[in-house]
Every structure is written in C-alpha cells, then in structure tokens.
Amino acid sequence: MLNYNPLHCLPSSEELPDSDDTAVDNELQNLIPGLLKTTLALVWCDRWDWFFGVDMGIYSHPDKPAIVPDGFLSLGVKRFIDEDLRLSYVLWEEKKQPILALEVVSQIYREEYSTKKEFYAKELGILYYVVYSPLRRKKTPLEVYHLVDGEYILMSGNPVWLPEIGLGIGRERGIYQGIVREWLYWYDEEGQKLLTPEERIREAEERTAFEEQRRVEAEQQVKMLIERLNALGVDPESLL
C-alpha cells in the first residue's frame, strides 16, 4: 500500500503569489513594522527561533488568498539569514501560527477593526492583535487585543506587556530615520523602552564624543600644571 501524505499535494511557498496587489497608501505602514523588526534583530540577534514579517502574505489554506498584515511575529520557527529568505508565510510549511499581528490604519479604514480582526481570531488564532491608528483622536490610537476563548479582549496600559513574547509594546514620541513623531516600540518588563539601532548608534557616538572631550580637558589640565611648575622653577621631570 502506498503511503499518502496530503502535505505533498499542497503548493509550496515558491508556487504561491508572494506580492500583495493592494497598494500601500501610507508610508507608516512600512516604517512602523520595519522599526519593530530592526529592533528585534538587534535585541534577539542570538536567537534563531523567530520571524517578523513586514507586508508579507500569510497563507492559511491553498484555496484561499493570502492575508497580508502590515507586520506579524512568529516564535518557534527557523530564522533565515542566508539567501534563501521567505517568499511568504505558509502555515502548512511553517507549522506555527503567528503569535502577533499588527495593522497600521491608513486614512481609510480597511476593515482593521472588523473583518481582519475576526479573521485573525477565528481563522488564524493569533494570540495578540495590535491595531495602531495614528490619526485617531477620540479613542486611544494603539489597541492591543488578547485572544481569550476565541474572542479578542482589549488590554489596557501603555506599554502593554505580552508575557508569551517576553516583551511589551507601546507608543511614544521619538526619532526614526530622522522623522520626529510618535512610533511603536518594544519594552522590557520594567516598562523601559528598548533602544533602536539608531538610538544605540547615537548613544555610542555621544559617549565617544564625551570621552574625547574628557581626554582633551585632561591634556589641557596637565599642560597648565606643567606651565605653572616651570614658572616656579620646578622641572616637571624631577617629580616623576
């Protein structure tokens, strides 16, 4: 008898469309998840069990089109850093549901609070759903939902701690790519924001500049001391 494996009949990621035909109409929809991804790449540089997708299709069924979150995080999957990068996220290949999905709302709502939210909960079972609407005024721009018994429950706080991920997510003003505005960041358990790569570079440059200033000031003090000793007729070399 032949052994039949239904997975062998399913299309692979190479055979599925790997681009979204819907145009991204808001630059933040790339920048915000991109910032979260680059920060993770720095903080989790020694971990090989995670993937953060930006504007990448998630396939849940071979006969259904992909859903494309602005960003999503998966844990317990292989991290690739060579040339063979993911074309899309295919659930029957990965065998791991994403643990977090992120949607950044543009000027026109695209079902982030309705259809997409329902799909992430009912079809994909994604544990955390994050919606950021920067133009929202009457309600909080950032909402983080936790999946409980098949329904999303709104969580409170800023940042919001996500224990299964071991990080918090929140919003505050900062600088990214020279743009000063409110961004989404990762936080530790004490609520301290994790530094982005740009912030780490800036901090290192400031520390180097400070150390250089201290070196110059020390040299100036030594020079002044030598001049005073010479004025008193004391040979500085004799004091060594």
Protein backbone atom coordinates (compact mmCIF):
# COMPACT_ATOMS: atom_id res chain seq x y z
CA MET A 1 0.00 0.00 0.00
CA LEU A 2 1.27 3.45 -0.88
CA ASN A 3 1.77 5.95 1.93
CA TYR A 4 -0.28 9.04 1.19
CA ASN A 5 0.78 12.35 2.67
CA PRO A 6 -1.70 15.18 1.88
CA LEU A 7 1.01 17.77 2.56
CA HIS A 8 2.83 16.57 -0.55
CA CYS A 9 -0.14 17.75 -2.64
CA LEU A 10 -0.20 21.28 -1.23
CA PRO A 11 1.54 24.13 -3.09
CA SER A 12 4.82 25.33 -1.65
CA SER A 13 5.79 28.92 -0.91
CA GLU A 14 7.67 29.01 -4.23
CA GLU A 15 4.43 28.25 -6.08
CA LEU A 16 2.23 30.78 -4.28
CA PRO A 17 2.00 34.52 -5.09
CA ASP A 18 4.45 36.43 -2.93
CA SER A 19 3.29 40.00 -3.52
CA ASP A 20 0.27 41.99 -2.48
CA ASP A 21 -1.66 43.64 -5.30
CA THR A 22 -3.10 46.21 -2.89
CA ALA A 23 -1.02 49.38 -2.88
CA VAL A 24 0.32 50.60 0.45
CA ASP A 25 -1.20 54.07 0.79
CA ASN A 26 0.55 55.11 3.98
CA GLU A 27 4.32 55.22 4.48
CA LEU A 28 3.86 54.44 8.16
CA GLN A 29 2.51 51.02 7.21
CA ASN A 30 6.08 50.09 6.27
CA LEU A 31 8.09 52.27 8.64
CA ILE A 32 6.38 51.25 11.90
CA PRO A 33 6.66 47.46 11.48
CA GLY A 34 10.12 47.98 9.99
CA LEU A 35 11.23 49.75 13.17
CA LEU A 36 9.87 46.93 15.34
CA LYS A 37 11.63 44.35 13.16
CA THR A 38 15.05 46.06 13.19
CA THR A 39 14.88 46.45 16.97
CA LEU A 40 14.13 42.73 17.37
CA ALA A 41 17.01 41.89 15.03
CA LEU A 42 19.31 43.72 17.43
CA VAL A 43 17.81 42.53 20.73
CA TRP A 44 17.33 38.92 19.59
CA CYS A 45 20.48 38.69 17.47
CA ASP A 46 21.47 35.44 19.21
CA ARG A 47 18.04 33.81 18.84
CA TRP A 48 17.25 31.57 15.88
CA ASP A 49 13.61 30.78 16.61
CA TRP A 50 11.68 33.82 15.42
CA PHE A 51 10.50 35.64 12.33
CA PHE A 52 8.98 39.08 11.84
CA GLY A 53 7.23 39.62 8.53
CA VAL A 54 6.52 43.05 7.04
CA ASP A 55 3.79 43.34 4.38
CA MET A 56 4.11 39.61 3.72
CA GLY A 57 1.31 37.22 2.84
CA ILE A 58 0.14 34.57 5.31
CA TYR A 59 -1.39 31.52 3.64
CA SER A 60 -3.77 29.51 5.81
CA HIS A 61 -5.31 27.38 3.03
CA PRO A 62 -4.15 26.55 -0.51
CA ASP A 63 -7.52 27.56 -1.98
CA LYS A 64 -7.72 30.91 -0.19
CA PRO A 65 -5.82 34.12 -0.93
CA ALA A 66 -3.19 35.27 1.49
CA ILE A 67 -3.94 37.81 4.17
CA VAL A 68 -1.25 40.48 4.41
CA PRO A 69 -0.79 42.15 7.80
CA ASP A 70 1.41 45.22 7.98
CA GLY A 71 3.55 43.17 10.36
CA PHE A 72 3.46 39.85 12.21
CA LEU A 73 5.67 37.94 14.64
CA SER A 74 6.14 34.18 14.84
CA LEU A 75 8.05 32.31 17.52
CA GLY A 76 9.39 28.77 17.34
CA VAL A 77 10.17 28.97 13.62
CA LYS A 78 13.51 28.95 11.85
CA ARG A 79 15.22 32.27 11.34
CA PHE A 80 16.91 32.56 7.96
CA ILE A 81 19.80 34.96 7.33
CA ASP A 82 21.20 33.45 4.14
CA GLU A 83 19.99 33.93 0.58
CA ASP A 84 17.02 31.57 0.96
CA LEU A 85 14.64 34.03 2.59
CA ARG A 86 10.90 33.51 2.93
CA LEU A 87 8.75 34.42 -0.04
CA SER A 88 5.60 34.23 2.06
CA TYR A 89 4.46 32.63 5.31
CA VAL A 90 2.77 29.31 4.54
CA LEU A 91 1.16 27.72 7.58
CA TRP A 92 1.30 24.13 6.32
CA GLU A 93 5.06 24.55 5.85
CA GLU A 94 5.85 26.56 8.99
CA LYS A 95 3.50 24.56 11.26
CA LYS A 96 3.38 27.59 13.59
CA GLN A 97 0.73 30.27 13.82
CA PRO A 98 2.00 33.83 14.19
CA ILE A 99 1.74 34.96 17.79
CA LEU A 100 1.17 38.64 16.97
CA ALA A 101 -0.34 40.54 14.05
CA LEU A 102 0.00 44.29 13.53
CA GLU A 103 -2.18 46.59 11.45
CA VAL A 104 -1.41 50.28 10.92
CA VAL A 105 -4.59 52.09 9.93
CA SER A 106 -4.40 54.47 6.99
CA GLN A 107 -6.72 57.43 6.38
CA ILE A 108 -9.30 54.99 5.02
CA TYR A 109 -10.16 52.08 7.30
CA ARG A 110 -9.59 48.74 5.62
CA GLU A 111 -11.53 46.51 8.00
CA GLU A 112 -8.81 46.57 10.68
CA TYR A 113 -11.49 46.74 13.40
CA SER A 114 -13.90 44.27 11.80
CA THR A 115 -13.16 41.65 9.13
CA LYS A 116 -9.41 41.42 9.67
CA LYS A 117 -9.85 41.30 13.43
CA GLU A 118 -12.38 38.49 13.08
CA PHE A 119 -10.14 36.56 10.67
CA TYR A 120 -7.08 36.76 12.92
CA ALA A 121 -9.15 35.49 15.84
CA LYS A 122 -11.33 32.82 14.22
CA GLU A 123 -9.26 31.57 11.28
CA LEU A 124 -5.66 32.03 12.40
CA GLY A 125 -5.99 32.04 16.18
CA ILE A 126 -3.33 34.73 16.57
CA LEU A 127 -2.79 35.37 20.27
CA TYR A 128 -2.20 39.14 20.06
CA TYR A 129 -3.72 41.60 17.61
CA VAL A 130 -2.26 45.11 17.59
CA VAL A 131 -4.01 47.98 15.81
CA TYR A 132 -2.37 51.41 15.55
CA SER A 133 -4.38 54.30 14.16
CA PRO A 134 -2.18 57.43 14.34
CA LEU A 135 -4.98 59.75 13.22
CA ARG A 136 -7.41 58.54 15.87
CA ARG A 137 -8.41 61.25 18.36
CA LYS A 138 -11.49 60.20 20.36
CA LYS A 139 -10.07 56.79 21.29
CA THR A 140 -6.54 55.61 22.02
CA PRO A 141 -4.51 55.26 18.82
CA LEU A 142 -2.98 51.96 19.98
CA GLU A 143 -5.14 48.97 20.84
CA VAL A 144 -3.71 45.60 21.85
CA TYR A 145 -6.07 42.62 21.93
CA HIS A 146 -5.52 39.27 23.63
CA LEU A 147 -7.26 36.15 22.32
CA VAL A 148 -9.33 34.51 25.08
CA ASP A 149 -11.69 31.63 24.24
CA GLY A 150 -11.76 32.60 20.59
CA GLU A 151 -12.55 36.28 21.23
CA TYR A 152 -10.26 39.30 21.36
CA ILE A 153 -10.20 41.14 24.69
CA LEU A 154 -8.83 44.69 24.72
CA MET A 155 -5.85 45.08 27.02
CA SER A 156 -5.02 48.24 28.95
CA GLY A 157 -1.86 50.18 29.54
CA ASN A 158 0.96 51.76 27.62
CA PRO A 159 3.14 49.86 27.15
CA VAL A 160 1.22 46.59 27.20
CA TRP A 161 3.16 43.58 28.49
CA LEU A 162 2.99 40.41 26.35
CA PRO A 163 4.23 37.57 28.59
CA GLU A 164 4.31 34.86 25.92
CA ILE A 165 6.63 37.06 23.86
CA GLY A 166 8.64 38.37 26.78
CA LEU A 167 8.31 41.95 25.60
CA GLY A 168 5.90 44.83 25.87
CA ILE A 169 4.66 47.03 23.06
CA GLY A 170 3.72 50.69 23.35
CA ARG A 171 3.87 54.11 21.80
CA GLU A 172 5.85 57.28 22.47
CA ARG A 173 7.50 60.11 20.58
CA GLY A 174 10.94 59.51 19.18
CA ILE A 175 13.16 59.78 16.11
CA TYR A 176 13.38 57.18 13.36
CA GLN A 177 15.09 57.83 10.03
CA GLY A 178 15.23 61.48 11.03
CA ILE A 179 11.45 61.66 11.49
CA VAL A 180 10.25 63.06 14.81
CA ARG A 181 6.81 61.68 15.68
CA GLU A 182 5.07 59.00 17.70
CA TRP A 183 6.34 55.48 17.00
CA LEU A 184 5.68 51.98 18.28
CA TYR A 185 8.45 50.43 20.36
CA TRP A 186 9.28 47.27 22.28
CA TYR A 187 9.65 47.49 26.08
CA ASP A 188 11.14 45.33 28.82
CA GLU A 189 9.20 44.03 31.82
CA GLU A 190 10.02 47.17 33.83
CA GLY A 191 8.47 49.34 31.11
CA GLN A 192 11.80 50.61 29.80
CA LYS A 193 11.90 51.19 26.06
CA LEU A 194 14.36 49.01 24.16
CA LEU A 195 16.80 51.14 22.23
CA THR A 196 16.51 51.02 18.46
CA PRO A 197 19.64 50.53 16.32
CA GLU A 198 19.67 54.26 15.52
CA GLU A 199 19.44 55.15 19.20
CA ARG A 200 22.26 52.78 20.07
CA ILE A 201 24.47 54.33 17.40
CA ARG A 202 23.59 57.83 18.60
CA GLU A 203 24.27 56.82 22.22
CA ALA A 204 27.65 55.33 21.26
CA GLU A 205 28.58 58.46 19.32
CA GLU A 206 27.63 60.69 22.25
CA ARG A 207 29.65 58.51 24.63
CA THR A 208 32.67 58.65 22.30
CA ALA A 209 32.36 62.43 22.00
CA PHE A 210 32.11 62.78 25.78
CA GLU A 211 35.16 60.60 26.35
CA GLU A 212 37.10 62.59 23.75
CA GLN A 213 36.12 65.84 25.48
CA ARG A 214 37.32 64.47 28.83
CA ARG A 215 40.62 63.41 27.24
CA VAL A 216 41.18 66.88 25.77
CA GLU A 217 40.31 68.53 29.09
CA ALA A 218 42.74 66.24 30.94
CA GLU A 219 45.52 67.07 28.50
CA GLN A 220 44.82 70.78 28.95
CA GLN A 221 45.00 70.44 32.74
CA VAL A 222 48.34 68.62 32.50
CA LYS A 223 49.68 71.30 30.18
CA MET A 224 48.59 74.08 32.58
CA LEU A 225 50.21 72.25 35.53
CA ILE A 226 53.47 71.90 33.64
CA GLU A 227 53.43 75.61 32.78
CA ARG A 228 52.87 76.52 36.45
CA LEU A 229 55.71 74.27 37.61
CA ASN A 230 58.04 75.79 35.04
CA ALA A 231 57.05 79.29 36.22
CA LEU A 232 58.02 78.23 39.76
CA GLY A 233 61.36 76.97 38.53
CA VAL A 234 60.44 73.33 39.11
CA ASP A 235 61.36 70.77 36.49
CA PRO A 236 58.29 68.56 35.99
CA GLU A 237 60.57 65.65 35.05
CA SER A 238 62.12 65.76 38.52
CA LEU A 239 58.78 64.91 40.07
CA LEU A 240 58.48 61.63 38.19
